[in-house]
């Protein structure tokens, strides 16, 4: 297997290598969500993002420190999605390149606001009562099954589903209000 140094056409200083790793790690989740929104299958998106990461590494000498890494990275990822679609031909549902480009552009704009929404969501979850926070954590962080939780507590699964629905509605409204507030 090739090392990252073998993949770089131009030698990067250790500082630039650290910068790349730091920027990529900080953006990885958003980049993966971006790619998933364009190809829908998580496994395909992970493969595409891996190829895009190698391309980014190889071309990092072109990236200017201080500029928008996420914008640059999503552009690279968009080209990898386009290549994947051209080569794979596995999907019965095909979008033309113009539509995929428009979806990618829309998704990039959405990603720019994602951090504010995630920060708001974290604050809103902190404001939930203890029981609601535990339920949200169990289902969404630890991936516990609602049916199994209900069985352990001797309650109907629908009780948990109803509670989660109320919590999601409250969180949605809380996030909407927080994101809509002007930043002081």
N, C-alpha and C. Protein backbone atom coordinates (compact mmCIF):
# COMPACT_ATOMS: atom_id res chain seq x y z
N UNK A 1 0.84 -1.18 0.00
CA UNK A 1 0.00 0.00 0.00
C UNK A 1 0.88 1.24 0.00
N UNK A 2 0.47 2.23 -0.76
CA UNK A 2 1.25 3.46 -0.86
C UNK A 2 1.12 4.28 0.41
N UNK A 3 2.21 4.95 0.79
CA UNK A 3 2.11 5.88 1.90
C UNK A 3 1.68 7.23 1.35
N UNK A 4 1.23 8.11 2.23
CA UNK A 4 0.81 9.44 1.78
C UNK A 4 1.95 10.18 1.09
N UNK A 5 3.17 9.99 1.57
CA UNK A 5 4.31 10.66 0.94
C UNK A 5 4.49 10.20 -0.50
N UNK A 6 4.22 8.91 -0.76
CA UNK A 6 4.36 8.38 -2.12
C UNK A 6 3.31 8.95 -3.06
N UNK A 7 2.18 9.39 -2.50
CA UNK A 7 1.09 9.90 -3.31
C UNK A 7 1.26 11.36 -3.71
N UNK A 8 2.16 12.06 -3.05
CA UNK A 8 2.31 13.49 -3.28
C UNK A 8 3.29 13.76 -4.40
N UNK A 9 2.83 14.46 -5.47
CA UNK A 9 3.74 14.75 -6.56
C UNK A 9 4.82 15.76 -6.16
N UNK A 10 4.47 16.64 -5.26
CA UNK A 10 5.45 17.60 -4.77
C UNK A 10 5.60 17.38 -3.26
N UNK A 11 6.81 17.48 -2.77
CA UNK A 11 7.04 17.26 -1.35
C UNK A 11 6.38 18.38 -0.54
N UNK A 12 5.62 17.99 0.47
CA UNK A 12 5.01 18.96 1.38
C UNK A 12 5.81 19.00 2.66
N UNK A 13 5.94 20.17 3.22
CA UNK A 13 6.63 20.30 4.50
C UNK A 13 5.80 19.60 5.57
N UNK A 14 6.41 19.23 6.66
CA UNK A 14 5.65 18.60 7.75
C UNK A 14 4.49 19.48 8.22
N UNK A 15 4.70 20.79 8.21
CA UNK A 15 3.63 21.71 8.62
C UNK A 15 2.44 21.63 7.67
N UNK A 16 2.73 21.57 6.36
CA UNK A 16 1.65 21.47 5.37
C UNK A 16 0.95 20.11 5.47
N UNK A 17 1.71 19.06 5.74
CA UNK A 17 1.11 17.75 5.92
C UNK A 17 0.16 17.77 7.12
N UNK A 18 0.59 18.37 8.23
CA UNK A 18 -0.26 18.48 9.42
C UNK A 18 -1.48 19.34 9.12
N UNK A 19 -1.30 20.40 8.35
CA UNK A 19 -2.42 21.26 7.99
C UNK A 19 -3.47 20.47 7.20
N UNK A 20 -3.00 19.69 6.24
CA UNK A 20 -3.93 18.88 5.44
C UNK A 20 -4.72 17.92 6.33
N UNK A 21 -4.02 17.19 7.17
CA UNK A 21 -4.68 16.21 8.04
C UNK A 21 -5.68 16.91 8.96
N UNK A 22 -5.30 18.03 9.53
CA UNK A 22 -6.19 18.78 10.42
C UNK A 22 -7.44 19.24 9.69
N UNK A 23 -7.26 19.83 8.51
CA UNK A 23 -8.40 20.34 7.74
C UNK A 23 -9.31 19.21 7.27
N UNK A 24 -8.72 18.13 6.80
CA UNK A 24 -9.52 17.00 6.33
C UNK A 24 -10.30 16.38 7.47
N UNK A 25 -9.65 16.17 8.61
CA UNK A 25 -10.34 15.60 9.76
C UNK A 25 -11.49 16.49 10.22
N UNK A 26 -11.27 17.79 10.24
CA UNK A 26 -12.31 18.72 10.68
C UNK A 26 -13.50 18.74 9.72
N UNK A 27 -13.27 18.43 8.47
CA UNK A 27 -14.32 18.50 7.44
C UNK A 27 -14.89 17.15 7.07
N UNK A 28 -14.33 16.07 7.56
CA UNK A 28 -14.69 14.74 7.10
C UNK A 28 -16.19 14.46 7.18
N UNK A 29 -16.80 14.72 8.31
CA UNK A 29 -18.23 14.43 8.47
C UNK A 29 -19.08 15.22 7.49
N UNK A 30 -18.77 16.49 7.33
CA UNK A 30 -19.54 17.31 6.39
C UNK A 30 -19.31 16.86 4.96
N UNK A 31 -18.08 16.48 4.62
CA UNK A 31 -17.80 15.99 3.27
C UNK A 31 -18.54 14.68 3.00
N UNK A 32 -18.56 13.81 3.98
CA UNK A 32 -19.26 12.54 3.79
C UNK A 32 -20.75 12.78 3.59
N UNK A 33 -21.35 13.65 4.40
CA UNK A 33 -22.77 13.97 4.22
C UNK A 33 -23.02 14.59 2.84
N UNK A 34 -22.09 15.42 2.39
CA UNK A 34 -22.20 16.04 1.07
C UNK A 34 -22.24 14.96 -0.01
N UNK A 35 -21.31 14.03 0.05
CA UNK A 35 -21.23 12.98 -0.97
C UNK A 35 -22.45 12.06 -0.88
N UNK A 36 -22.87 11.70 0.33
CA UNK A 36 -24.06 10.85 0.49
C UNK A 36 -25.27 11.53 -0.15
N UNK A 37 -25.36 12.83 -0.01
CA UNK A 37 -26.52 13.53 -0.59
C UNK A 37 -26.53 13.46 -2.11
N UNK A 38 -25.40 13.14 -2.71
CA UNK A 38 -25.31 13.06 -4.17
C UNK A 38 -25.39 11.64 -4.71
N UNK A 39 -25.05 10.65 -3.89
CA UNK A 39 -25.06 9.26 -4.38
C UNK A 39 -25.99 8.35 -3.60
N UNK A 40 -26.42 8.74 -2.46
CA UNK A 40 -27.39 8.07 -1.59
C UNK A 40 -26.87 6.83 -0.85
N UNK A 41 -26.05 6.01 -1.43
CA UNK A 41 -25.52 4.82 -0.72
C UNK A 41 -24.29 5.19 0.07
N UNK A 42 -24.34 4.95 1.38
CA UNK A 42 -23.24 5.32 2.25
C UNK A 42 -21.93 4.64 1.84
N UNK A 43 -21.99 3.37 1.50
CA UNK A 43 -20.77 2.66 1.12
C UNK A 43 -20.13 3.29 -0.11
N UNK A 44 -20.95 3.63 -1.11
CA UNK A 44 -20.42 4.31 -2.29
C UNK A 44 -19.83 5.66 -1.90
N UNK A 45 -20.53 6.38 -1.02
CA UNK A 45 -20.05 7.70 -0.60
C UNK A 45 -18.71 7.59 0.12
N UNK A 46 -18.55 6.58 0.96
CA UNK A 46 -17.27 6.39 1.66
C UNK A 46 -16.14 6.10 0.68
N UNK A 47 -16.42 5.26 -0.33
CA UNK A 47 -15.41 4.96 -1.35
C UNK A 47 -15.04 6.21 -2.14
N UNK A 48 -16.06 6.98 -2.51
CA UNK A 48 -15.84 8.21 -3.27
C UNK A 48 -15.02 9.19 -2.43
N UNK A 49 -15.39 9.34 -1.16
CA UNK A 49 -14.66 10.28 -0.31
C UNK A 49 -13.21 9.84 -0.11
N UNK A 50 -12.98 8.55 -0.05
CA UNK A 50 -11.60 8.07 0.07
C UNK A 50 -10.79 8.45 -1.17
N UNK A 51 -11.38 8.24 -2.35
CA UNK A 51 -10.69 8.63 -3.59
C UNK A 51 -10.50 10.15 -3.65
N UNK A 52 -11.52 10.89 -3.22
CA UNK A 52 -11.41 12.35 -3.22
C UNK A 52 -10.31 12.80 -2.26
N UNK A 53 -10.19 12.13 -1.12
CA UNK A 53 -9.15 12.49 -0.14
C UNK A 53 -7.76 12.28 -0.72
N UNK A 54 -7.58 11.22 -1.48
CA UNK A 54 -6.29 10.98 -2.12
C UNK A 54 -6.01 12.07 -3.15
N UNK A 55 -7.03 12.43 -3.92
CA UNK A 55 -6.87 13.50 -4.90
C UNK A 55 -6.53 14.81 -4.20
N UNK A 56 -7.23 15.09 -3.10
CA UNK A 56 -6.94 16.32 -2.35
C UNK A 56 -5.50 16.31 -1.85
N UNK A 57 -5.05 15.18 -1.34
CA UNK A 57 -3.68 15.06 -0.85
C UNK A 57 -2.68 15.35 -1.97
N UNK A 58 -2.94 14.75 -3.12
CA UNK A 58 -2.05 14.93 -4.25
C UNK A 58 -2.02 16.38 -4.74
N UNK A 59 -3.11 17.07 -4.57
CA UNK A 59 -3.22 18.45 -5.07
C UNK A 59 -3.15 19.50 -3.97
N UNK A 60 -2.82 19.10 -2.77
CA UNK A 60 -2.83 20.04 -1.65
C UNK A 60 -1.83 21.18 -1.85
N UNK A 61 -0.82 20.95 -2.66
CA UNK A 61 0.14 22.01 -2.93
C UNK A 61 -0.54 23.19 -3.64
N UNK A 62 -1.70 22.95 -4.28
CA UNK A 62 -2.45 24.02 -4.94
C UNK A 62 -3.36 24.78 -3.99
N UNK A 63 -3.64 24.21 -2.83
CA UNK A 63 -4.54 24.84 -1.88
C UNK A 63 -3.82 25.96 -1.14
N UNK A 64 -4.47 27.12 -1.09
CA UNK A 64 -3.87 28.27 -0.39
C UNK A 64 -4.31 28.28 1.07
N UNK A 65 -3.34 28.28 1.97
CA UNK A 65 -3.63 28.35 3.40
C UNK A 65 -4.48 29.58 3.68
N UNK A 66 -5.50 29.39 4.49
CA UNK A 66 -6.38 30.49 4.85
C UNK A 66 -7.62 30.60 3.99
N UNK A 67 -7.63 29.90 2.85
CA UNK A 67 -8.83 29.92 2.02
C UNK A 67 -9.80 28.85 2.53
N UNK A 68 -10.96 28.75 1.91
CA UNK A 68 -12.03 27.87 2.38
C UNK A 68 -11.76 26.42 1.96
N UNK A 69 -11.27 25.63 2.90
CA UNK A 69 -10.94 24.23 2.61
C UNK A 69 -12.18 23.44 2.22
N UNK A 70 -13.30 23.67 2.93
CA UNK A 70 -14.51 22.91 2.63
C UNK A 70 -14.98 23.16 1.21
N UNK A 71 -14.93 24.40 0.76
CA UNK A 71 -15.34 24.71 -0.62
C UNK A 71 -14.43 23.99 -1.61
N UNK A 72 -13.14 24.02 -1.35
CA UNK A 72 -12.17 23.36 -2.22
C UNK A 72 -12.41 21.85 -2.22
N UNK A 73 -12.60 21.29 -1.03
CA UNK A 73 -12.77 19.84 -0.89
C UNK A 73 -14.08 19.37 -1.53
N UNK A 74 -15.15 20.14 -1.40
CA UNK A 74 -16.41 19.73 -2.02
C UNK A 74 -16.31 19.78 -3.54
N UNK A 75 -15.51 20.69 -4.06
CA UNK A 75 -15.30 20.73 -5.51
C UNK A 75 -14.61 19.46 -5.98
N UNK A 76 -13.56 19.08 -5.26
CA UNK A 76 -12.85 17.83 -5.60
C UNK A 76 -13.80 16.64 -5.48
N UNK A 77 -14.56 16.60 -4.40
CA UNK A 77 -15.50 15.49 -4.18
C UNK A 77 -16.56 15.45 -5.28
N UNK A 78 -17.00 16.61 -5.74
CA UNK A 78 -18.00 16.66 -6.82
C UNK A 78 -17.48 15.98 -8.08
N UNK A 79 -16.22 16.25 -8.40
CA UNK A 79 -15.62 15.60 -9.57
C UNK A 79 -15.51 14.09 -9.38
N UNK A 80 -15.21 13.67 -8.16
CA UNK A 80 -15.14 12.23 -7.88
C UNK A 80 -16.52 11.59 -8.00
N UNK A 81 -17.57 12.29 -7.57
CA UNK A 81 -18.93 11.78 -7.73
C UNK A 81 -19.25 11.64 -9.20
N UNK A 82 -18.89 12.64 -9.97
CA UNK A 82 -19.16 12.60 -11.41
C UNK A 82 -18.43 11.42 -12.05
N UNK A 83 -17.17 11.21 -11.68
CA UNK A 83 -16.41 10.06 -12.20
C UNK A 83 -17.04 8.74 -11.77
N UNK A 84 -17.47 8.66 -10.53
CA UNK A 84 -18.11 7.44 -10.03
C UNK A 84 -19.36 7.13 -10.85
N UNK A 85 -20.18 8.13 -11.07
CA UNK A 85 -21.42 7.93 -11.82
C UNK A 85 -21.14 7.48 -13.25
N UNK A 86 -20.12 8.06 -13.84
CA UNK A 86 -19.77 7.71 -15.22
C UNK A 86 -19.27 6.27 -15.30
N UNK A 87 -18.44 5.89 -14.36
CA UNK A 87 -17.81 4.56 -14.40
C UNK A 87 -18.74 3.47 -13.89
N UNK A 88 -19.50 3.74 -12.86
CA UNK A 88 -20.28 2.67 -12.22
C UNK A 88 -21.46 2.21 -13.05
N UNK A 89 -22.28 3.11 -13.47
CA UNK A 89 -23.45 2.75 -14.26
C UNK A 89 -24.33 1.71 -13.61
N UNK A 90 -24.23 1.55 -12.27
CA UNK A 90 -24.99 0.52 -11.57
C UNK A 90 -26.42 0.95 -11.28
N UNK A 91 -26.65 2.22 -11.15
CA UNK A 91 -27.97 2.68 -10.72
C UNK A 91 -28.93 2.74 -11.88
N UNK A 92 -30.15 2.27 -11.65
CA UNK A 92 -31.18 2.37 -12.67
C UNK A 92 -31.67 3.81 -12.78
N UNK A 93 -31.55 4.55 -11.68
CA UNK A 93 -31.99 5.94 -11.67
C UNK A 93 -30.76 6.81 -11.93
N UNK A 94 -30.72 7.46 -13.05
CA UNK A 94 -29.58 8.28 -13.42
C UNK A 94 -29.99 9.74 -13.53
N UNK A 95 -29.21 10.62 -12.97
CA UNK A 95 -29.41 12.05 -13.11
C UNK A 95 -28.38 12.56 -14.10
N UNK A 96 -28.76 13.57 -14.86
CA UNK A 96 -27.78 14.12 -15.78
C UNK A 96 -26.77 14.97 -15.00
N UNK A 97 -25.63 15.24 -15.62
CA UNK A 97 -24.54 15.95 -14.95
C UNK A 97 -24.97 17.34 -14.49
N UNK A 98 -25.83 17.98 -15.25
CA UNK A 98 -26.28 19.33 -14.89
C UNK A 98 -27.05 19.31 -13.57
N UNK A 99 -27.93 18.32 -13.42
CA UNK A 99 -28.70 18.21 -12.18
C UNK A 99 -27.78 17.90 -11.00
N UNK A 100 -26.84 16.99 -11.19
CA UNK A 100 -25.91 16.65 -10.11
C UNK A 100 -25.08 17.87 -9.73
N UNK A 101 -24.66 18.67 -10.71
CA UNK A 101 -23.90 19.88 -10.41
C UNK A 101 -24.76 20.85 -9.60
N UNK A 102 -26.03 20.98 -9.95
CA UNK A 102 -26.93 21.87 -9.20
C UNK A 102 -27.14 21.36 -7.79
N UNK A 103 -27.33 20.05 -7.64
CA UNK A 103 -27.48 19.47 -6.31
C UNK A 103 -26.23 19.70 -5.48
N UNK A 104 -25.07 19.54 -6.09
CA UNK A 104 -23.81 19.75 -5.37
C UNK A 104 -23.69 21.20 -4.92
N UNK A 105 -24.04 22.13 -5.79
CA UNK A 105 -23.96 23.55 -5.44
C UNK A 105 -24.91 23.87 -4.29
N UNK A 106 -26.13 23.35 -4.37
CA UNK A 106 -27.10 23.57 -3.30
C UNK A 106 -26.61 22.97 -1.99
N UNK A 107 -26.02 21.79 -2.06
CA UNK A 107 -25.54 21.11 -0.86
C UNK A 107 -24.37 21.85 -0.23
N UNK A 108 -23.49 22.44 -1.04
CA UNK A 108 -22.37 23.23 -0.51
C UNK A 108 -22.91 24.41 0.28
N UNK A 109 -23.92 25.09 -0.25
CA UNK A 109 -24.51 26.21 0.47
C UNK A 109 -25.12 25.74 1.78
N UNK A 110 -25.75 24.57 1.76
CA UNK A 110 -26.34 24.02 2.97
C UNK A 110 -25.26 23.69 4.00
N UNK A 111 -24.14 23.15 3.55
CA UNK A 111 -23.05 22.80 4.46
C UNK A 111 -22.51 24.02 5.19
N UNK A 112 -22.54 25.17 4.54
CA UNK A 112 -22.04 26.39 5.16
C UNK A 112 -22.85 26.77 6.39
N UNK A 113 -24.10 26.32 6.45
CA UNK A 113 -24.95 26.63 7.60
C UNK A 113 -25.06 25.46 8.57
N UNK A 114 -24.46 24.33 8.22
CA UNK A 114 -24.59 23.13 9.03
C UNK A 114 -23.98 23.29 10.41
N UNK A 115 -22.85 23.94 10.53
CA UNK A 115 -22.22 24.11 11.83
C UNK A 115 -23.12 24.87 12.79
N UNK A 116 -23.77 25.92 12.31
CA UNK A 116 -24.66 26.69 13.16
C UNK A 116 -25.83 25.81 13.63
N UNK A 117 -26.36 24.99 12.74
CA UNK A 117 -27.46 24.10 13.11
C UNK A 117 -27.00 23.05 14.11
N UNK A 118 -25.81 22.49 13.91
CA UNK A 118 -25.30 21.49 14.84
C UNK A 118 -25.04 22.09 16.21
N UNK A 119 -24.48 23.29 16.26
CA UNK A 119 -24.26 23.97 17.54
C UNK A 119 -25.60 24.22 18.24
N UNK A 120 -26.58 24.67 17.47
CA UNK A 120 -27.91 24.91 18.04
C UNK A 120 -28.52 23.61 18.55
N UNK A 121 -28.37 22.52 17.79
CA UNK A 121 -28.91 21.24 18.21
C UNK A 121 -28.27 20.78 19.52
N UNK A 122 -26.96 20.92 19.63
CA UNK A 122 -26.28 20.51 20.87
C UNK A 122 -26.82 21.29 22.06
N UNK A 123 -27.01 22.60 21.89
CA UNK A 123 -27.55 23.43 22.97
C UNK A 123 -28.98 23.02 23.30
N UNK A 124 -29.78 22.76 22.28
CA UNK A 124 -31.18 22.36 22.50
C UNK A 124 -31.25 21.01 23.21
N UNK A 125 -30.38 20.07 22.86
CA UNK A 125 -30.37 18.77 23.55
C UNK A 125 -29.99 18.96 25.01
N UNK A 126 -29.04 19.86 25.29
CA UNK A 126 -28.65 20.13 26.68
C UNK A 126 -29.83 20.68 27.50
N UNK A 127 -30.75 21.35 26.84
CA UNK A 127 -31.89 21.94 27.54
C UNK A 127 -33.02 20.93 27.81
N UNK A 128 -32.95 19.75 27.22
CA UNK A 128 -33.97 18.74 27.46
C UNK A 128 -33.91 18.26 28.91
N UNK A 129 -35.05 17.74 29.41
CA UNK A 129 -35.03 17.14 30.73
C UNK A 129 -34.18 15.87 30.69
N UNK A 130 -33.76 15.42 31.84
CA UNK A 130 -32.82 14.29 31.95
C UNK A 130 -33.33 13.04 31.24
N UNK A 131 -34.60 12.69 31.44
CA UNK A 131 -35.16 11.49 30.82
C UNK A 131 -35.14 11.59 29.29
N UNK A 132 -35.47 12.75 28.76
CA UNK A 132 -35.47 12.95 27.31
C UNK A 132 -34.05 12.87 26.75
N UNK A 133 -33.08 13.47 27.46
CA UNK A 133 -31.69 13.40 27.01
C UNK A 133 -31.20 11.96 26.99
N UNK A 134 -31.56 11.19 28.01
CA UNK A 134 -31.13 9.78 28.05
C UNK A 134 -31.74 9.00 26.88
N UNK A 135 -33.00 9.26 26.57
CA UNK A 135 -33.66 8.57 25.46
C UNK A 135 -33.01 8.94 24.13
N UNK A 136 -32.76 10.22 23.93
CA UNK A 136 -32.11 10.68 22.69
C UNK A 136 -30.72 10.07 22.57
N UNK A 137 -29.97 10.08 23.65
CA UNK A 137 -28.62 9.52 23.64
C UNK A 137 -28.66 8.02 23.33
N UNK A 138 -29.58 7.31 23.96
CA UNK A 138 -29.67 5.86 23.76
C UNK A 138 -29.99 5.53 22.31
N UNK A 139 -30.94 6.23 21.73
CA UNK A 139 -31.39 5.90 20.37
C UNK A 139 -30.45 6.45 19.31
N UNK A 140 -30.06 7.72 19.44
CA UNK A 140 -29.32 8.36 18.36
C UNK A 140 -27.80 8.32 18.52
N UNK A 141 -27.30 8.21 19.73
CA UNK A 141 -25.84 8.14 19.90
C UNK A 141 -25.35 6.70 20.01
N UNK A 142 -26.06 5.92 20.81
CA UNK A 142 -25.62 4.54 21.03
C UNK A 142 -26.30 3.54 20.11
N UNK A 143 -27.34 3.97 19.39
CA UNK A 143 -28.00 3.10 18.43
C UNK A 143 -28.85 2.00 19.03
N UNK A 144 -29.33 2.20 20.24
CA UNK A 144 -30.17 1.17 20.86
C UNK A 144 -31.50 1.09 20.13
N UNK A 145 -32.06 -0.10 20.10
CA UNK A 145 -33.34 -0.35 19.43
C UNK A 145 -34.49 0.01 20.38
N UNK A 146 -35.45 0.75 19.86
CA UNK A 146 -36.60 1.17 20.67
C UNK A 146 -37.37 -0.05 21.18
N UNK A 147 -37.55 -1.05 20.33
CA UNK A 147 -38.30 -2.24 20.75
C UNK A 147 -37.63 -2.94 21.93
N UNK A 148 -36.31 -3.02 21.89
CA UNK A 148 -35.58 -3.66 22.98
C UNK A 148 -35.66 -2.84 24.26
N UNK A 149 -35.58 -1.51 24.12
CA UNK A 149 -35.68 -0.63 25.29
C UNK A 149 -37.06 -0.79 25.94
N UNK A 150 -38.09 -0.81 25.11
CA UNK A 150 -39.46 -0.95 25.62
C UNK A 150 -39.63 -2.29 26.33
N UNK A 151 -39.08 -3.34 25.74
CA UNK A 151 -39.20 -4.67 26.34
C UNK A 151 -38.52 -4.70 27.71
N UNK A 152 -37.33 -4.10 27.82
CA UNK A 152 -36.61 -4.06 29.10
C UNK A 152 -37.42 -3.35 30.18
N UNK A 153 -38.13 -2.29 29.77
CA UNK A 153 -38.89 -1.51 30.74
C UNK A 153 -40.34 -1.96 30.87
N UNK A 154 -40.71 -2.99 30.10
CA UNK A 154 -42.07 -3.51 30.18
C UNK A 154 -43.11 -2.52 29.69
N UNK A 155 -42.75 -1.73 28.68
CA UNK A 155 -43.65 -0.74 28.12
C UNK A 155 -43.84 -1.01 26.63
N UNK A 156 -44.89 -0.42 26.08
CA UNK A 156 -45.16 -0.59 24.66
C UNK A 156 -44.16 0.24 23.85
N UNK A 157 -43.62 -0.32 22.75
CA UNK A 157 -42.70 0.45 21.91
C UNK A 157 -43.31 1.76 21.42
N UNK A 158 -44.60 1.77 21.16
CA UNK A 158 -45.24 2.99 20.66
C UNK A 158 -45.09 4.15 21.65
N UNK A 159 -45.01 3.84 22.93
CA UNK A 159 -44.79 4.88 23.94
C UNK A 159 -43.47 5.59 23.68
N UNK A 160 -42.45 4.82 23.39
CA UNK A 160 -41.13 5.40 23.10
C UNK A 160 -41.15 6.17 21.78
N UNK A 161 -41.78 5.59 20.77
CA UNK A 161 -41.86 6.28 19.49
C UNK A 161 -42.59 7.61 19.62
N UNK A 162 -43.68 7.61 20.38
CA UNK A 162 -44.42 8.86 20.59
C UNK A 162 -43.56 9.89 21.32
N UNK A 163 -42.84 9.43 22.33
CA UNK A 163 -41.96 10.33 23.10
C UNK A 163 -40.86 10.89 22.19
N UNK A 164 -40.25 10.03 21.38
CA UNK A 164 -39.21 10.50 20.45
C UNK A 164 -39.77 11.50 19.45
N UNK A 165 -40.97 11.27 18.99
CA UNK A 165 -41.59 12.20 18.05
C UNK A 165 -41.78 13.58 18.69
N UNK A 166 -42.24 13.62 19.93
CA UNK A 166 -42.40 14.89 20.64
C UNK A 166 -41.05 15.58 20.84
N UNK A 167 -40.04 14.80 21.19
CA UNK A 167 -38.70 15.35 21.41
C UNK A 167 -38.15 15.92 20.10
N UNK A 168 -38.30 15.18 19.00
CA UNK A 168 -37.82 15.66 17.70
C UNK A 168 -38.51 16.97 17.31
N UNK A 169 -39.81 17.05 17.54
CA UNK A 169 -40.53 18.29 17.23
C UNK A 169 -40.00 19.46 18.06
N UNK A 170 -39.80 19.20 19.35
CA UNK A 170 -39.29 20.26 20.23
C UNK A 170 -37.88 20.68 19.81
N UNK A 171 -37.04 19.71 19.47
CA UNK A 171 -35.68 20.03 19.04
C UNK A 171 -35.69 20.80 17.72
N UNK A 172 -36.56 20.39 16.81
CA UNK A 172 -36.66 21.09 15.52
C UNK A 172 -37.02 22.55 15.73
N UNK A 173 -38.00 22.79 16.57
CA UNK A 173 -38.43 24.17 16.83
C UNK A 173 -37.34 24.96 17.54
N UNK A 174 -36.69 24.34 18.50
CA UNK A 174 -35.61 25.00 19.24
C UNK A 174 -34.47 25.38 18.29
N UNK A 175 -34.06 24.45 17.43
CA UNK A 175 -32.98 24.73 16.47
C UNK A 175 -33.40 25.84 15.52
N UNK A 176 -34.62 25.76 15.01
CA UNK A 176 -35.12 26.79 14.09
C UNK A 176 -35.05 28.17 14.73
N UNK A 177 -35.47 28.28 15.99
CA UNK A 177 -35.44 29.56 16.68
C UNK A 177 -34.01 30.04 16.91
N UNK A 178 -33.13 29.13 17.31
CA UNK A 178 -31.74 29.52 17.58
C UNK A 178 -31.00 29.96 16.32
N UNK A 179 -31.23 29.26 15.23
CA UNK A 179 -30.55 29.60 13.97
C UNK A 179 -31.09 30.91 13.40
N UNK A 180 -32.37 31.18 13.65
CA UNK A 180 -32.97 32.40 13.14
C UNK A 180 -32.55 33.65 13.91
N UNK A 181 -32.04 33.46 15.13
CA UNK A 181 -31.60 34.60 15.94
C UNK A 181 -30.39 35.28 15.31
N UNK A 182 -30.38 36.62 15.34
CA UNK A 182 -29.18 37.30 14.85
C UNK A 182 -28.02 37.09 15.82
N UNK A 183 -26.85 36.94 15.27
CA UNK A 183 -25.65 36.75 16.09
C UNK A 183 -25.23 38.11 16.64
N UNK A 184 -25.03 38.16 17.96
CA UNK A 184 -24.64 39.42 18.60
C UNK A 184 -23.15 39.53 18.74
